[in-house]
Amino acid sequence: MNVVHPAKRFTGQDSYPTRLPDKERIIARQDPVIWSAWSEDAPISLEETRHYEEKGYLVRRNIFTAEEIRKLIDASADIRADASDIRSEDLVTEPGTNAVRTVFRLDDHSRIFARLARDARLADIARFLLGDEVYLHQSRLNYKPGFTGKEFYWHSDFETWHAEDGMPRMRAVSASVLLTDNSQLNGPLMLIPGSHRKFIACAGETPQDNHKSSLMKQEIGVPSTGLLEKMADEAGLDAATGPAGTVIFFECNTMHASNGNVTPFPRSNAFFVYNAVSNAVDTPFAASQPRPDFLANRGAAKALDIVTGSFA
């Protein structure tokens, strides 16, 4: 791993102030997008590296075997079919129903997903992009059932992780593993390409225990509709689609969302948020107290033990 930018511990200065009392602001990104220099032995191609640098995301297909994908799908179905053993704080249901929307700490609830989180086909790419050893900041399983699956509104993950978890720098990446086919119709991940190059400092102070409502519907830490319109007019919108087994890596500051799903076809994805060990969370920058551990791993930032080979 050829690191371009050496790891630096947070020194106390807030480079991305947000949750402002007056109005939202746009701040230029002050961190690299890719923290390693590309070489022939990199886990992604030069073209893929350039795409991620420019667009803020990368779609990879044909990573897993058909048998591996089937095992992941079956494990996801088992979790949803019987959520009785899942801690209540790890479980989010759809507004107005008891249908499972999200299961947090996925690696705690499933041996196969814990194995997937450490798989070199995911983690080595994260290590390359972040130029450091990595740990799991968060893991979750998102379900969007047919007909009733609700939307996830536009936001930058980093804005929330910075404000409410205390993540210092833009040195994290999400890997979304598709467990169903994601088409243009059933609420796929949508992104504003290039939006990761600017930080949107949002207006409005963080309410106490904001996570309790934001997990159902996010209203704090989101840009204004006027600014979203401007960003979309300038850069357009991309939909990250693909068959089950596709993996979408997206930069922590990339603006993204997903529509509600009124089709008969459910959508489910496993999310693993990889953070650089040198970028471990500390005191929240715009909240009175950190979010609970199921939303942000606040233990010692211990590097993942990466594994290779098939898990089928």
C-alpha atoms as a PDB file:
ATOM      1  CA  MET A   1       0.000   0.000   0.000  1.00  0.00           C
ATOM      2  CA  ASN A   2       1.713   3.157  -1.252  1.00  0.00           C
ATOM      3  CA  VAL A   3       0.477   5.902   1.064  1.00  0.00           C
ATOM      4  CA  VAL A   4       0.611   9.410  -0.402  1.00  0.00           C
ATOM      5  CA  HIS A   5      -0.689  11.281   2.621  1.00  0.00           C
ATOM      6  CA  PRO A   6       0.660  10.154   5.994  1.00  0.00           C
ATOM      7  CA  ALA A   7      -1.786   9.485   8.778  1.00  0.00           C
ATOM      8  CA  LYS A   8      -2.225  12.427  11.103  1.00  0.00           C
ATOM      9  CA  ARG A   9      -4.111  12.402  14.368  1.00  0.00           C
ATOM     10  CA  PHE A  10      -6.768  15.040  14.865  1.00  0.00           C
ATOM     11  CA  THR A  11      -5.202  18.081  16.511  1.00  0.00           C
ATOM     12  CA  GLY A  12      -8.328  19.861  17.721  1.00  0.00           C
ATOM     13  CA  GLN A  13      -9.204  22.261  14.882  1.00  0.00           C
ATOM     14  CA  ASP A  14     -12.593  21.732  13.286  1.00  0.00           C
ATOM     15  CA  SER A  15     -12.077  21.869   9.533  1.00  0.00           C
ATOM     16  CA  TYR A  16     -15.755  21.247   8.771  1.00  0.00           C
ATOM     17  CA  PRO A  17     -18.004  23.270  11.124  1.00  0.00           C
ATOM     18  CA  THR A  18     -21.679  22.370  10.630  1.00  0.00           C
ATOM     19  CA  ARG A  19     -25.145  22.574  12.226  1.00  0.00           C
ATOM     20  CA  LEU A  20     -24.812  26.331  12.007  1.00  0.00           C
ATOM     21  CA  PRO A  21     -27.244  28.673  13.778  1.00  0.00           C
ATOM     22  CA  ASP A  22     -27.845  30.974  10.805  1.00  0.00           C
ATOM     23  CA  LYS A  23     -27.619  29.384   7.351  1.00  0.00           C
ATOM     24  CA  GLU A  24     -25.949  26.595   5.419  1.00  0.00           C
ATOM     25  CA  ARG A  25     -22.541  27.171   3.853  1.00  0.00           C
ATOM     26  CA  ILE A  26     -20.331  25.482   1.287  1.00  0.00           C
ATOM     27  CA  ILE A  27     -16.788  24.628   2.391  1.00  0.00           C
ATOM     28  CA  ALA A  28     -14.109  23.347   0.032  1.00  0.00           C
ATOM     29  CA  ARG A  29     -12.895  19.863   0.777  1.00  0.00           C
ATOM     30  CA  GLN A  30      -9.636  19.914   2.733  1.00  0.00           C
ATOM     31  CA  ASP A  31      -8.787  16.215   2.555  1.00  0.00           C
ATOM     32  CA  PRO A  32      -7.605  13.955  -0.267  1.00  0.00           C
ATOM     33  CA  VAL A  33     -10.226  11.796  -1.969  1.00  0.00           C
ATOM     34  CA  ILE A  34      -7.803   8.887  -2.405  1.00  0.00           C
ATOM     35  CA  TRP A  35      -5.042   8.562   0.172  1.00  0.00           C
ATOM     36  CA  SER A  36      -2.800   6.119  -1.736  1.00  0.00           C
ATOM     37  CA  ALA A  37      -0.884   6.310  -4.988  1.00  0.00           C
ATOM     38  CA  TRP A  38      -2.135   3.921  -7.650  1.00  0.00           C
ATOM     39  CA  SER A  39       0.237   1.183  -8.831  1.00  0.00           C
ATOM     40  CA  GLU A  40      -0.058  -2.043 -10.797  1.00  0.00           C
ATOM     41  CA  ASP A  41      -0.689  -4.048  -7.619  1.00  0.00           C
ATOM     42  CA  ALA A  42      -3.583  -1.823  -6.472  1.00  0.00           C
ATOM     43  CA  PRO A  43      -6.874  -3.695  -5.866  1.00  0.00           C
ATOM     44  CA  ILE A  44      -8.693  -1.536  -8.445  1.00  0.00           C
ATOM     45  CA  SER A  45      -7.709  -0.418 -11.932  1.00  0.00           C
ATOM     46  CA  LEU A  46      -6.355   3.008 -12.814  1.00  0.00           C
ATOM     47  CA  GLU A  47      -9.627   3.774 -14.612  1.00  0.00           C
ATOM     48  CA  GLU A  48     -11.624   2.810 -11.528  1.00  0.00           C
ATOM     49  CA  THR A  49      -9.343   4.920  -9.345  1.00  0.00           C
ATOM     50  CA  ARG A  50      -9.907   7.946 -11.555  1.00  0.00           C
ATOM     51  CA  HIS A  51     -13.666   7.369 -11.574  1.00  0.00           C
ATOM     52  CA  TYR A  52     -13.801   7.275  -7.781  1.00  0.00           C
ATOM     53  CA  GLU A  53     -11.618  10.384  -7.554  1.00  0.00           C
ATOM     54  CA  GLU A  54     -13.861  12.292  -9.962  1.00  0.00           C
ATOM     55  CA  LYS A  55     -17.335  10.961  -9.173  1.00  0.00           C
ATOM     56  CA  GLY A  56     -17.052   9.962  -5.516  1.00  0.00           C
ATOM     57  CA  TYR A  57     -18.207   6.384  -6.005  1.00  0.00           C
ATOM     58  CA  LEU A  58     -17.318   3.128  -7.738  1.00  0.00           C
ATOM     59  CA  VAL A  59     -19.503   0.203  -8.854  1.00  0.00           C
ATOM     60  CA  ARG A  60     -17.866  -3.243  -8.990  1.00  0.00           C
ATOM     61  CA  ARG A  61     -19.511  -6.371 -10.354  1.00  0.00           C
ATOM     62  CA  ASN A  62     -18.606 -10.053 -10.567  1.00  0.00           C
ATOM     63  CA  ILE A  63     -16.702 -10.023  -7.286  1.00  0.00           C
ATOM     64  CA  PHE A  64     -18.464 -12.974  -5.676  1.00  0.00           C
ATOM     65  CA  THR A  65     -19.419 -16.416  -6.914  1.00  0.00           C
ATOM     66  CA  ALA A  66     -23.059 -17.388  -7.424  1.00  0.00           C
ATOM     67  CA  GLU A  67     -22.853 -19.656  -4.382  1.00  0.00           C
ATOM     68  CA  GLU A  68     -21.457 -16.860  -2.197  1.00  0.00           C
ATOM     69  CA  ILE A  69     -24.230 -14.511  -3.303  1.00  0.00           C
ATOM     70  CA  ARG A  70     -26.860 -17.143  -2.522  1.00  0.00           C
ATOM     71  CA  LYS A  71     -25.441 -17.615   0.973  1.00  0.00           C
ATOM     72  CA  LEU A  72     -25.583 -13.862   1.627  1.00  0.00           C
ATOM     73  CA  ILE A  73     -29.155 -13.617   0.346  1.00  0.00           C
ATOM     74  CA  ASP A  74     -30.257 -16.558   2.488  1.00  0.00           C
ATOM     75  CA  ALA A  75     -28.557 -15.108   5.572  1.00  0.00           C
ATOM     76  CA  SER A  76     -30.288 -11.754   4.975  1.00  0.00           C
ATOM     77  CA  ALA A  77     -33.678 -13.460   4.638  1.00  0.00           C
ATOM     78  CA  ASP A  78     -33.115 -15.422   7.841  1.00  0.00           C
ATOM     79  CA  ILE A  79     -32.360 -12.244   9.797  1.00  0.00           C
ATOM     80  CA  ARG A  80     -35.486 -10.545   8.535  1.00  0.00           C
ATOM     81  CA  ALA A  81     -37.711 -13.572   9.058  1.00  0.00           C
ATOM     82  CA  ASP A  82     -36.846 -13.773  12.745  1.00  0.00           C
ATOM     83  CA  ALA A  83     -35.667 -10.550  14.367  1.00  0.00           C
ATOM     84  CA  SER A  84     -36.629 -11.715  17.873  1.00  0.00           C
ATOM     85  CA  ASP A  85     -33.021 -12.192  18.952  1.00  0.00           C
ATOM     86  CA  ILE A  86     -31.873  -8.781  17.707  1.00  0.00           C
ATOM     87  CA  ARG A  87     -31.326  -6.113  20.356  1.00  0.00           C
ATOM     88  CA  SER A  88     -34.085  -3.521  20.186  1.00  0.00           C
ATOM     89  CA  GLU A  89     -31.605  -0.669  19.790  1.00  0.00           C
ATOM     90  CA  ASP A  90     -30.138  -2.392  16.703  1.00  0.00           C
ATOM     91  CA  LEU A  91     -33.525  -2.653  14.993  1.00  0.00           C
ATOM     92  CA  VAL A  92     -35.353   0.081  13.045  1.00  0.00           C
ATOM     93  CA  THR A  93     -38.802  -0.576  11.589  1.00  0.00           C
ATOM     94  CA  GLU A  94     -40.695   1.197   8.827  1.00  0.00           C
ATOM     95  CA  PRO A  95     -42.743   4.214   9.995  1.00  0.00           C
ATOM     96  CA  GLY A  96     -46.249   3.045  10.884  1.00  0.00           C
ATOM     97  CA  THR A  97     -45.471  -0.674  10.596  1.00  0.00           C
ATOM     98  CA  ASN A  98     -43.355  -3.365  12.209  1.00  0.00           C
ATOM     99  CA  ALA A  99     -41.581  -4.216   8.961  1.00  0.00           C
ATOM    100  CA  VAL A 100     -37.809  -4.318   9.403  1.00  0.00           C
ATOM    101  CA  ARG A 101     -36.103  -1.298   7.831  1.00  0.00           C
ATOM    102  CA  THR A 102     -32.548  -1.534   9.202  1.00  0.00           C
ATOM    103  CA  VAL A 103     -30.525  -3.906  11.358  1.00  0.00           C
ATOM    104  CA  PHE A 104     -27.421  -2.308  12.864  1.00  0.00           C
ATOM    105  CA  ARG A 105     -24.263  -4.054  14.081  1.00  0.00           C
ATOM    106  CA  LEU A 106     -24.759  -6.554  11.304  1.00  0.00           C
ATOM    107  CA  ASP A 107     -21.405  -8.188  11.987  1.00  0.00           C
ATOM    108  CA  ASP A 108     -22.654  -9.010  15.516  1.00  0.00           C
ATOM    109  CA  HIS A 109     -25.803 -10.703  14.275  1.00  0.00           C
ATOM    110  CA  SER A 110     -24.465 -12.880  11.472  1.00  0.00           C
ATOM    111  CA  ARG A 111     -21.292 -14.924  11.177  1.00  0.00           C
ATOM    112  CA  ILE A 112     -21.334 -14.813   7.376  1.00  0.00           C
ATOM    113  CA  PHE A 113     -21.705 -11.019   7.295  1.00  0.00           C
ATOM    114  CA  ALA A 114     -18.937 -10.677   9.883  1.00  0.00           C
ATOM    115  CA  ARG A 115     -16.790 -12.726   7.495  1.00  0.00           C
ATOM    116  CA  LEU A 116     -17.870 -10.550   4.563  1.00  0.00           C
ATOM    117  CA  ALA A 117     -16.826  -7.365   6.388  1.00  0.00           C
ATOM    118  CA  ARG A 118     -13.270  -8.696   6.645  1.00  0.00           C
ATOM    119  CA  ASP A 119     -13.131 -10.050   3.101  1.00  0.00           C
ATOM    120  CA  ALA A 120     -10.133  -8.750   1.148  1.00  0.00           C
ATOM    121  CA  ARG A 121     -12.365  -8.075  -1.865  1.00  0.00           C
ATOM    122  CA  LEU A 122     -13.944  -5.273   0.166  1.00  0.00           C
ATOM    123  CA  ALA A 123     -11.458  -4.351   2.866  1.00  0.00           C
ATOM    124  CA  ASP A 124      -8.388  -4.169   0.624  1.00  0.00           C
ATOM    125  CA  ILE A 125     -10.133  -1.620  -1.566  1.00  0.00           C
ATOM    126  CA  ALA A 126     -11.029   0.390   1.520  1.00  0.00           C
ATOM    127  CA  ARG A 127      -7.410   0.201   2.725  1.00  0.00           C
ATOM    128  CA  PHE A 128      -6.200   1.441  -0.659  1.00  0.00           C
ATOM    129  CA  LEU A 129      -8.694   4.311  -0.857  1.00  0.00           C
ATOM    130  CA  LEU A 130      -8.004   5.423   2.719  1.00  0.00           C
ATOM    131  CA  GLY A 131      -4.249   4.800   2.763  1.00  0.00           C
ATOM    132  CA  ASP A 132      -4.402   3.159   6.179  1.00  0.00           C
ATOM    133  CA  GLU A 133      -5.523   0.094   8.064  1.00  0.00           C
ATOM    134  CA  VAL A 134      -9.283   0.142   8.558  1.00  0.00           C
ATOM    135  CA  TYR A 135     -11.900  -0.756  11.142  1.00  0.00           C
ATOM    136  CA  LEU A 136     -15.700  -0.893  10.988  1.00  0.00           C
ATOM    137  CA  HIS A 137     -17.245   2.408  11.998  1.00  0.00           C
ATOM    138  CA  GLN A 138     -20.714   1.009  11.372  1.00  0.00           C
ATOM    139  CA  SER A 139     -22.400  -1.988   9.762  1.00  0.00           C
ATOM    140  CA  ARG A 140     -26.046  -2.435   8.911  1.00  0.00           C
ATOM    141  CA  LEU A 141     -28.536  -4.319   6.785  1.00  0.00           C
ATOM    142  CA  ASN A 142     -31.056  -2.150   4.939  1.00  0.00           C
ATOM    143  CA  TYR A 143     -34.350  -3.550   3.705  1.00  0.00           C
ATOM    144  CA  LYS A 144     -36.677  -1.695   1.395  1.00  0.00           C
ATOM    145  CA  PRO A 145     -39.732  -3.933   0.962  1.00  0.00           C
ATOM    146  CA  GLY A 146     -41.884  -3.866  -2.134  1.00  0.00           C
ATOM    147  CA  PHE A 147     -44.808  -1.410  -2.204  1.00  0.00           C
ATOM    148  CA  THR A 148     -44.057   0.168   1.208  1.00  0.00           C
ATOM    149  CA  GLY A 149     -40.291   0.791   1.365  1.00  0.00           C
ATOM    150  CA  LYS A 150     -39.659   4.368   2.432  1.00  0.00           C
ATOM    151  CA  GLU A 151     -37.125   6.786   1.003  1.00  0.00           C
ATOM    152  CA  PHE A 152     -33.770   7.820   2.469  1.00  0.00           C
ATOM    153  CA  TYR A 153     -33.432  11.578   2.012  1.00  0.00           C
ATOM    154  CA  TRP A 154     -30.415  13.399   0.543  1.00  0.00           C
ATOM    155  CA  HIS A 155     -27.453  13.684   2.883  1.00  0.00           C
ATOM    156  CA  SER A 156     -23.697  13.356   3.260  1.00  0.00           C
ATOM    157  CA  ASP A 157     -22.785  10.608   5.710  1.00  0.00           C
ATOM    158  CA  PHE A 158     -19.696  12.505   6.768  1.00  0.00           C
ATOM    159  CA  GLU A 159     -21.766  15.479   7.885  1.00  0.00           C
ATOM    160  CA  THR A 160     -23.587  13.267  10.384  1.00  0.00           C
ATOM    161  CA  TRP A 161     -20.519  11.271  11.405  1.00  0.00           C
ATOM    162  CA  HIS A 162     -18.567  14.490  11.945  1.00  0.00           C
ATOM    163  CA  ALA A 163     -21.324  16.361  13.781  1.00  0.00           C
ATOM    164  CA  GLU A 164     -22.731  13.561  15.933  1.00  0.00           C
ATOM    165  CA  ASP A 165     -20.008  10.885  16.110  1.00  0.00           C
ATOM    166  CA  GLY A 166     -16.868  13.015  16.132  1.00  0.00           C
ATOM    167  CA  MET A 167     -15.212  11.716  12.950  1.00  0.00           C
ATOM    168  CA  PRO A 168     -12.427  14.263  12.296  1.00  0.00           C
ATOM    169  CA  ARG A 169     -11.534  13.893   8.607  1.00  0.00           C
ATOM    170  CA  MET A 170     -13.055  12.705   5.333  1.00  0.00           C
ATOM    171  CA  ARG A 171     -11.206   9.410   5.505  1.00  0.00           C
ATOM    172  CA  ALA A 172     -13.983   6.799   5.420  1.00  0.00           C
ATOM    173  CA  VAL A 173     -15.763   4.832   2.705  1.00  0.00           C
ATOM    174  CA  SER A 174     -18.991   2.825   2.582  1.00  0.00           C
ATOM    175  CA  ALA A 175     -19.281  -0.491   0.781  1.00  0.00           C
ATOM    176  CA  SER A 176     -22.854  -1.412  -0.137  1.00  0.00           C
ATOM    177  CA  VAL A 177     -23.270  -5.065  -1.107  1.00  0.00           C
ATOM    178  CA  LEU A 178     -26.473  -5.563  -3.100  1.00  0.00           C
ATOM    179  CA  LEU A 179     -28.486  -8.542  -1.854  1.00  0.00           C
ATOM    180  CA  THR A 180     -31.259  -8.089  -4.404  1.00  0.00           C
ATOM    181  CA  ASP A 181     -31.227  -6.750  -7.928  1.00  0.00           C
ATOM    182  CA  ASN A 182     -31.201  -2.949  -7.750  1.00  0.00           C
ATOM    183  CA  SER A 183     -32.837  -1.378 -10.791  1.00  0.00           C
ATOM    184  CA  GLN A 184     -33.721   2.177 -11.697  1.00  0.00           C
ATOM    185  CA  LEU A 185     -37.220   1.459 -10.351  1.00  0.00           C
ATOM    186  CA  ASN A 186     -36.993  -0.126  -6.887  1.00  0.00           C
ATOM    187  CA  GLY A 187     -35.261   2.631  -4.946  1.00  0.00           C
ATOM    188  CA  PRO A 188     -31.569   2.244  -5.790  1.00  0.00           C
ATOM    189  CA  LEU A 189     -28.797   4.363  -4.350  1.00  0.00           C
ATOM    190  CA  MET A 190     -28.733   7.761  -6.082  1.00  0.00           C
ATOM    191  CA  LEU A 191     -25.699  10.021  -5.951  1.00  0.00           C
ATOM    192  CA  ILE A 192     -24.730  13.510  -7.062  1.00  0.00           C
ATOM    193  CA  PRO A 193     -21.436  12.866  -8.864  1.00  0.00           C
ATOM    194  CA  GLY A 194     -18.591  15.088  -7.728  1.00  0.00           C
ATOM    195  CA  SER A 195     -20.488  16.309  -4.664  1.00  0.00           C
ATOM    196  CA  HIS A 196     -17.788  14.839  -2.396  1.00  0.00           C
ATOM    197  CA  ARG A 197     -15.487  17.742  -3.315  1.00  0.00           C
ATOM    198  CA  LYS A 198     -17.528  20.263  -1.320  1.00  0.00           C
ATOM    199  CA  PHE A 199     -18.727  20.039   2.256  1.00  0.00           C
ATOM    200  CA  ILE A 200     -22.237  21.316   2.899  1.00  0.00           C
ATOM    201  CA  ALA A 201     -22.290  22.830   6.376  1.00  0.00           C
ATOM    202  CA  CYS A 202     -25.950  22.474   7.298  1.00  0.00           C
ATOM    203  CA  ALA A 203     -28.102  24.898   9.242  1.00  0.00           C
ATOM    204  CA  GLY A 204     -29.856  24.078  12.496  1.00  0.00           C
ATOM    205  CA  GLU A 205     -28.564  22.875  15.836  1.00  0.00           C
ATOM    206  CA  THR A 206     -28.583  19.170  16.686  1.00  0.00           C
ATOM    207  CA  PRO A 207     -31.520  18.244  18.957  1.00  0.00           C
ATOM    208  CA  GLN A 208     -30.955  15.980  21.943  1.00  0.00           C
ATOM    209  CA  ASP A 209     -31.072  12.301  20.896  1.00  0.00           C
ATOM    210  CA  ASN A 210     -31.461  13.331  17.270  1.00  0.00           C
ATOM    211  CA  HIS A 211     -30.708   9.789  16.108  1.00  0.00           C
ATOM    212  CA  LYS A 212     -34.054   8.544  17.446  1.00  0.00           C
ATOM    213  CA  SER A 213     -35.956  10.517  14.825  1.00  0.00           C
ATOM    214  CA  SER A 214     -33.307  10.729  12.101  1.00  0.00           C
ATOM    215  CA  LEU A 215     -33.221   6.939  11.722  1.00  0.00           C
ATOM    216  CA  MET A 216     -36.884   7.116  10.727  1.00  0.00           C
ATOM    217  CA  LYS A 217     -36.723  10.375   8.763  1.00  0.00           C
ATOM    218  CA  GLN A 218     -33.676  12.612   8.556  1.00  0.00           C
ATOM    219  CA  GLU A 219     -34.446  16.326   8.858  1.00  0.00           C
ATOM    220  CA  ILE A 220     -31.344  17.730  10.597  1.00  0.00           C
ATOM    221  CA  GLY A 221     -28.047  17.680   8.726  1.00  0.00           C
ATOM    222  CA  VAL A 222     -29.567  17.823   5.251  1.00  0.00           C
ATOM    223  CA  PRO A 223     -29.041  20.496   2.588  1.00  0.00           C
ATOM    224  CA  SER A 224     -31.799  22.864   1.518  1.00  0.00           C
ATOM    225  CA  THR A 225     -33.849  21.949  -1.540  1.00  0.00           C
ATOM    226  CA  GLY A 226     -32.507  25.036  -3.310  1.00  0.00           C
ATOM    227  CA  LEU A 227     -28.920  23.921  -2.867  1.00  0.00           C
ATOM    228  CA  LEU A 228     -29.749  20.354  -3.905  1.00  0.00           C
ATOM    229  CA  GLU A 229     -31.398  21.689  -7.053  1.00  0.00           C
ATOM    230  CA  LYS A 230     -28.293  23.707  -7.858  1.00  0.00           C
ATOM    231  CA  MET A 231     -25.983  20.737  -7.288  1.00  0.00           C
ATOM    232  CA  ALA A 232     -28.126  18.458  -9.447  1.00  0.00           C
ATOM    233  CA  ASP A 233     -28.395  21.057 -12.218  1.00  0.00           C
ATOM    234  CA  GLU A 234     -24.611  21.334 -12.322  1.00  0.00           C
ATOM    235  CA  ALA A 235     -23.646  17.666 -12.005  1.00  0.00           C
ATOM    236  CA  GLY A 236     -26.760  15.596 -12.692  1.00  0.00           C
ATOM    237  CA  LEU A 237     -27.838  12.503 -10.775  1.00  0.00           C
ATOM    238  CA  ASP A 238     -26.453   8.982 -11.032  1.00  0.00           C
ATOM    239  CA  ALA A 239     -28.236   5.778 -10.010  1.00  0.00           C
ATOM    240  CA  ALA A 240     -25.991   2.939  -8.850  1.00  0.00           C
ATOM    241  CA  THR A 241     -27.694  -0.220 -10.087  1.00  0.00           C
ATOM    242  CA  GLY A 242     -26.740  -3.821 -10.632  1.00  0.00           C
ATOM    243  CA  PRO A 243     -27.638  -7.422  -9.934  1.00  0.00           C
ATOM    244  CA  ALA A 244     -27.337  -9.028  -6.522  1.00  0.00           C
ATOM    245  CA  GLY A 245     -23.670  -9.337  -5.600  1.00  0.00           C
ATOM    246  CA  THR A 246     -22.735  -5.928  -7.004  1.00  0.00           C
ATOM    247  CA  VAL A 247     -20.693  -3.767  -4.610  1.00  0.00           C
ATOM    248  CA  ILE A 248     -20.929   0.027  -4.534  1.00  0.00           C
ATOM    249  CA  PHE A 249     -18.133   1.924  -2.820  1.00  0.00           C
ATOM    250  CA  PHE A 250     -18.975   5.542  -2.125  1.00  0.00           C
ATOM    251  CA  GLU A 251     -16.923   8.266  -0.485  1.00  0.00           C
ATOM    252  CA  CYS A 252     -18.111   9.430   2.922  1.00  0.00           C
ATOM    253  CA  ASN A 253     -18.928  12.963   1.725  1.00  0.00           C
ATOM    254  CA  THR A 254     -20.776  12.028  -1.470  1.00  0.00           C
ATOM    255  CA  MET A 255     -24.339  13.367  -1.414  1.00  0.00           C
ATOM    256  CA  HIS A 256     -26.740  10.453  -1.808  1.00  0.00           C
ATOM    257  CA  ALA A 257     -30.330   9.320  -1.290  1.00  0.00           C
ATOM    258  CA  SER A 258     -32.807   6.696  -2.450  1.00  0.00           C
ATOM    259  CA  ASN A 259     -36.439   6.859  -3.508  1.00  0.00           C
ATOM    260  CA  GLY A 260     -39.275   4.957  -1.905  1.00  0.00           C
ATOM    261  CA  ASN A 261     -40.044   1.558  -3.381  1.00  0.00           C
ATOM    262  CA  VAL A 262     -43.580   1.173  -4.721  1.00  0.00           C
ATOM    263  CA  THR A 263     -42.667  -1.687  -7.050  1.00  0.00           C
ATOM    264  CA  PRO A 264     -43.415  -5.316  -6.132  1.00  0.00           C
ATOM    265  CA  PHE A 265     -39.672  -5.965  -6.027  1.00  0.00           C
ATOM    266  CA  PRO A 266     -37.937  -5.614  -2.639  1.00  0.00           C
ATOM    267  CA  ARG A 267     -34.478  -4.132  -2.292  1.00  0.00           C
ATOM    268  CA  SER A 268     -31.949  -5.048   0.364  1.00  0.00           C
ATOM    269  CA  ASN A 269     -28.293  -4.150   0.840  1.00  0.00           C
ATOM    270  CA  ALA A 270     -25.588  -4.805   3.412  1.00  0.00           C
ATOM    271  CA  PHE A 271     -23.526  -1.731   4.374  1.00  0.00           C
ATOM    272  CA  PHE A 272     -20.049  -1.712   5.822  1.00  0.00           C
ATOM    273  CA  VAL A 273     -18.504   1.639   6.731  1.00  0.00           C
ATOM    274  CA  TYR A 274     -14.715   1.444   6.771  1.00  0.00           C
ATOM    275  CA  ASN A 275     -12.872   4.185   8.647  1.00  0.00           C
ATOM    276  CA  ALA A 276      -9.118   4.730   8.759  1.00  0.00           C
ATOM    277  CA  VAL A 277      -7.627   3.664  12.084  1.00  0.00           C
ATOM    278  CA  SER A 278      -5.932   7.069  12.281  1.00  0.00           C
ATOM    279  CA  ASN A 279      -9.346   8.748  11.865  1.00  0.00           C
ATOM    280  CA  ALA A 280     -11.057   7.203  14.886  1.00  0.00           C
ATOM    281  CA  VAL A 281     -14.040   9.101  16.259  1.00  0.00           C
ATOM    282  CA  ASP A 282     -13.680  11.379  19.251  1.00  0.00           C
ATOM    283  CA  THR A 283     -15.879  14.091  20.788  1.00  0.00           C
ATOM    284  CA  PRO A 284     -18.815  15.104  18.521  1.00  0.00           C
ATOM    285  CA  PHE A 285     -18.282  18.399  16.727  1.00  0.00           C
ATOM    286  CA  ALA A 286     -21.931  19.536  16.755  1.00  0.00           C
ATOM    287  CA  ALA A 287     -23.834  17.495  19.315  1.00  0.00           C
ATOM    288  CA  SER A 288     -23.984  17.504  23.092  1.00  0.00           C
ATOM    289  CA  GLN A 289     -23.161  13.806  23.300  1.00  0.00           C
ATOM    290  CA  PRO A 290     -22.109  11.044  20.896  1.00  0.00           C
ATOM    291  CA  ARG A 291     -24.598   8.724  19.285  1.00  0.00           C
ATOM    292  CA  PRO A 292     -24.918   5.220  20.768  1.00  0.00           C
ATOM    293  CA  ASP A 293     -22.357   2.521  19.999  1.00  0.00           C
ATOM    294  CA  PHE A 294     -24.634   0.685  17.572  1.00  0.00           C
ATOM    295  CA  LEU A 295     -24.365   3.692  15.243  1.00  0.00           C
ATOM    296  CA  ALA A 296     -20.670   4.399  15.708  1.00  0.00           C
ATOM    297  CA  ASN A 297     -18.030   2.007  16.972  1.00  0.00           C
ATOM    298  CA  ARG A 298     -16.431   3.965  19.778  1.00  0.00           C
ATOM    299  CA  GLY A 299     -14.146   1.246  21.075  1.00  0.00           C
ATOM    300  CA  ALA A 300     -10.434   1.115  20.399  1.00  0.00           C
ATOM    301  CA  ALA A 301      -9.836   1.458  16.655  1.00  0.00           C
ATOM    302  CA  LYS A 302      -8.414  -1.997  16.047  1.00  0.00           C
ATOM    303  CA  ALA A 303      -7.503  -2.833  12.455  1.00  0.00           C
ATOM    304  CA  LEU A 304      -9.619  -5.526  10.826  1.00  0.00           C
ATOM    305  CA  ASP A 305      -8.062  -8.933  10.351  1.00  0.00           C
ATOM    306  CA  ILE A 306      -8.409  -9.249   6.574  1.00  0.00           C
ATOM    307  CA  VAL A 307      -9.211 -12.689   5.143  1.00  0.00           C
ATOM    308  CA  THR A 308      -8.950 -14.071   1.620  1.00  0.00           C
ATOM    309  CA  GLY A 309     -10.629 -16.870  -0.268  1.00  0.00           C
ATOM    310  CA  SER A 310     -14.224 -17.927  -0.772  1.00  0.00           C
ATOM    311  CA  PHE A 311     -16.704 -18.148   2.112  1.00  0.00           C
ATOM    312  CA  ALA A 312     -19.054 -20.471   0.190  1.00  0.00           C
END
